[in-house]
Amino acid sequence: MATLTIRLPDEKHKRLKQLAQAKGISINKMIEELCTIALSEFDANTRFKAMAATGNSEKDLRILAKLDALTE
């Protein structure tokens, strides 16, 4: 496991500490959870862009039109 040292303004550190306490977890655990969320978002965005680059826009638009018709 790696160690990461970050510098934060005192006020931000205070608020993060309060947030962690409100969640009943350590600041370390909260930062780990936030990193997991950020990495998940990045991975989903990367996969979406890769799929979009190889997609068929005409087919995709037909599928969206069908979905729109179902929700009307």
Foldseek 3Di string as FASTA:
>chain_A
DDDDDDDDPPVVVVVLCVVCVVVVHGSVVVVVVVVVVVVVVVVVVVVVVVDVVPDDVVVVVVVVVVVVVVVD
